[in-house]
Amino acid sequence: MTDYQAALEALVAGQQKTIEVPAEDFMAFRQAWLDFPKHQSIVGAAHRGGAITYHYEQN
């Protein structure tokens, strides 16, 4: 399973541009996202089949 907490930190730090979350991992990602301090700046776009691509939007 992916370490979504580390992936979110890398996303905000600019070390990666996106996080790809397959449908079957959504609940694990969601929990890490809800616990992440800057979660409101992490924006997702859903794709056919349930996968979601998240990116960081600076305010």
N, C-alpha and C. Protein backbone atom coordinates (compact mmCIF):
# COMPACT_ATOMS: atom_id res chain seq x y z
N MET A 1 0.84 -1.18 0.00
CA MET A 1 0.00 0.00 0.00
C MET A 1 0.89 1.25 0.00
N THR A 2 0.44 2.26 -0.65
CA THR A 2 1.17 3.52 -0.76
C THR A 2 1.13 4.30 0.55
N ASP A 3 2.23 4.95 0.89
CA ASP A 3 2.29 5.84 2.06
C ASP A 3 1.76 7.20 1.61
N TYR A 4 0.47 7.41 1.76
CA TYR A 4 -0.15 8.63 1.26
C TYR A 4 0.25 9.86 2.07
N GLN A 5 0.58 9.70 3.34
CA GLN A 5 1.04 10.84 4.13
C GLN A 5 2.34 11.39 3.53
N ALA A 6 3.27 10.50 3.21
CA ALA A 6 4.53 10.92 2.59
C ALA A 6 4.29 11.50 1.21
N ALA A 7 3.36 10.93 0.46
CA ALA A 7 3.05 11.44 -0.88
C ALA A 7 2.46 12.85 -0.80
N LEU A 8 1.60 13.11 0.18
CA LEU A 8 1.03 14.45 0.36
C LEU A 8 2.11 15.46 0.73
N GLU A 9 3.02 15.06 1.60
CA GLU A 9 4.12 15.95 1.98
C GLU A 9 5.00 16.27 0.77
N ALA A 10 5.29 15.26 -0.06
CA ALA A 10 6.10 15.47 -1.27
C ALA A 10 5.36 16.37 -2.26
N LEU A 11 4.07 16.23 -2.35
CA LEU A 11 3.26 17.06 -3.24
C LEU A 11 3.35 18.53 -2.83
N VAL A 12 3.16 18.82 -1.56
CA VAL A 12 3.20 20.19 -1.07
C VAL A 12 4.61 20.77 -1.18
N ALA A 13 5.63 19.94 -0.99
CA ALA A 13 7.02 20.39 -1.06
C ALA A 13 7.49 20.60 -2.50
N GLY A 14 6.67 20.18 -3.47
CA GLY A 14 7.04 20.35 -4.87
C GLY A 14 7.91 19.23 -5.41
N GLN A 15 8.06 18.15 -4.66
CA GLN A 15 8.88 17.03 -5.09
C GLN A 15 8.16 16.14 -6.09
N GLN A 16 6.85 16.23 -6.15
CA GLN A 16 6.06 15.55 -7.17
C GLN A 16 4.89 16.44 -7.53
N LYS A 17 4.38 16.28 -8.74
CA LYS A 17 3.32 17.16 -9.24
C LYS A 17 1.93 16.61 -8.97
N THR A 18 1.78 15.28 -8.97
CA THR A 18 0.46 14.68 -8.79
C THR A 18 0.56 13.42 -7.93
N ILE A 19 -0.59 13.01 -7.42
CA ILE A 19 -0.74 11.72 -6.75
C ILE A 19 -1.86 11.00 -7.47
N GLU A 20 -1.58 9.79 -7.94
CA GLU A 20 -2.59 8.96 -8.60
C GLU A 20 -3.14 7.98 -7.57
N VAL A 21 -4.45 8.01 -7.35
CA VAL A 21 -5.08 7.14 -6.37
C VAL A 21 -6.08 6.23 -7.08
N PRO A 22 -5.80 4.92 -7.11
CA PRO A 22 -6.78 4.00 -7.70
C PRO A 22 -8.02 3.89 -6.81
N ALA A 23 -9.12 3.52 -7.40
CA ALA A 23 -10.40 3.46 -6.68
C ALA A 23 -10.31 2.60 -5.42
N GLU A 24 -9.59 1.49 -5.48
CA GLU A 24 -9.53 0.59 -4.33
C GLU A 24 -8.72 1.16 -3.16
N ASP A 25 -7.92 2.20 -3.39
CA ASP A 25 -7.13 2.84 -2.33
C ASP A 25 -7.76 4.14 -1.82
N PHE A 26 -8.92 4.50 -2.34
CA PHE A 26 -9.49 5.81 -2.00
C PHE A 26 -9.68 6.02 -0.50
N MET A 27 -10.21 5.04 0.22
CA MET A 27 -10.47 5.23 1.65
C MET A 27 -9.17 5.42 2.43
N ALA A 28 -8.12 4.72 2.07
CA ALA A 28 -6.82 4.91 2.74
C ALA A 28 -6.28 6.30 2.44
N PHE A 29 -6.40 6.74 1.18
CA PHE A 29 -5.95 8.09 0.83
C PHE A 29 -6.79 9.13 1.58
N ARG A 30 -8.09 8.94 1.61
CA ARG A 30 -8.99 9.91 2.24
C ARG A 30 -8.61 10.15 3.69
N GLN A 31 -8.30 9.08 4.42
CA GLN A 31 -7.94 9.24 5.83
C GLN A 31 -6.65 10.06 5.97
N ALA A 32 -5.65 9.77 5.13
CA ALA A 32 -4.39 10.54 5.17
C ALA A 32 -4.67 11.99 4.78
N TRP A 33 -5.53 12.20 3.79
CA TRP A 33 -5.87 13.55 3.33
C TRP A 33 -6.58 14.34 4.44
N LEU A 34 -7.54 13.73 5.12
CA LEU A 34 -8.27 14.41 6.19
C LEU A 34 -7.35 14.80 7.35
N ASP A 35 -6.34 13.98 7.62
CA ASP A 35 -5.39 14.24 8.70
C ASP A 35 -4.31 15.24 8.31
N PHE A 36 -4.20 15.56 7.02
CA PHE A 36 -3.14 16.43 6.52
C PHE A 36 -3.52 17.90 6.75
N PRO A 37 -2.63 18.70 7.35
CA PRO A 37 -2.98 20.10 7.68
C PRO A 37 -3.40 20.96 6.49
N LYS A 38 -2.83 20.74 5.32
CA LYS A 38 -3.16 21.56 4.15
C LYS A 38 -4.11 20.84 3.20
N HIS A 39 -5.00 20.01 3.73
CA HIS A 39 -5.84 19.19 2.85
C HIS A 39 -6.75 20.00 1.95
N GLN A 40 -7.11 21.21 2.34
CA GLN A 40 -8.00 22.00 1.49
C GLN A 40 -7.30 22.51 0.23
N SER A 41 -5.97 22.43 0.19
CA SER A 41 -5.22 22.85 -0.99
C SER A 41 -4.89 21.68 -1.91
N ILE A 42 -5.29 20.47 -1.53
CA ILE A 42 -5.08 19.28 -2.35
C ILE A 42 -6.37 19.03 -3.11
N VAL A 43 -6.31 19.16 -4.43
CA VAL A 43 -7.51 19.10 -5.28
C VAL A 43 -7.44 17.87 -6.18
N GLY A 44 -8.56 17.17 -6.31
CA GLY A 44 -8.59 15.95 -7.12
C GLY A 44 -9.52 16.05 -8.31
N ALA A 45 -9.19 15.26 -9.33
CA ALA A 45 -10.03 15.13 -10.52
C ALA A 45 -10.28 13.64 -10.74
N ALA A 46 -11.56 13.26 -10.77
CA ALA A 46 -11.93 11.86 -10.93
C ALA A 46 -11.87 11.45 -12.39
N HIS A 47 -11.53 10.18 -12.60
CA HIS A 47 -11.45 9.61 -13.95
C HIS A 47 -12.41 8.43 -14.05
N ARG A 48 -12.71 8.06 -15.25
CA ARG A 48 -13.56 6.91 -15.49
C ARG A 48 -12.92 5.68 -14.85
N GLY A 49 -13.70 4.90 -14.16
CA GLY A 49 -13.20 3.72 -13.48
C GLY A 49 -12.90 3.97 -12.01
N GLY A 50 -13.00 5.22 -11.56
CA GLY A 50 -12.84 5.52 -10.15
C GLY A 50 -11.49 6.04 -9.71
N ALA A 51 -10.50 6.04 -10.58
CA ALA A 51 -9.19 6.58 -10.21
C ALA A 51 -9.29 8.10 -10.07
N ILE A 52 -8.44 8.66 -9.21
CA ILE A 52 -8.44 10.10 -8.98
C ILE A 52 -7.01 10.61 -9.03
N THR A 53 -6.81 11.74 -9.70
CA THR A 53 -5.51 12.41 -9.74
C THR A 53 -5.60 13.66 -8.89
N TYR A 54 -4.71 13.77 -7.91
CA TYR A 54 -4.68 14.93 -7.01
C TYR A 54 -3.48 15.80 -7.33
N HIS A 55 -3.64 17.11 -7.16
CA HIS A 55 -2.53 18.06 -7.30
C HIS A 55 -2.66 19.12 -6.21
N TYR A 56 -1.59 19.87 -6.01
CA TYR A 56 -1.55 20.90 -4.97
C TYR A 56 -1.80 22.25 -5.60
N GLU A 57 -2.74 22.99 -5.03
CA GLU A 57 -3.03 24.36 -5.47
C GLU A 57 -2.63 25.31 -4.37
N GLN A 58 -1.61 26.12 -4.63
CA GLN A 58 -1.20 27.12 -3.65
C GLN A 58 -2.20 28.26 -3.67
N ASN A 59 -2.49 28.80 -2.51
CA ASN A 59 -3.44 29.91 -2.41
C ASN A 59 -2.72 31.22 -2.48
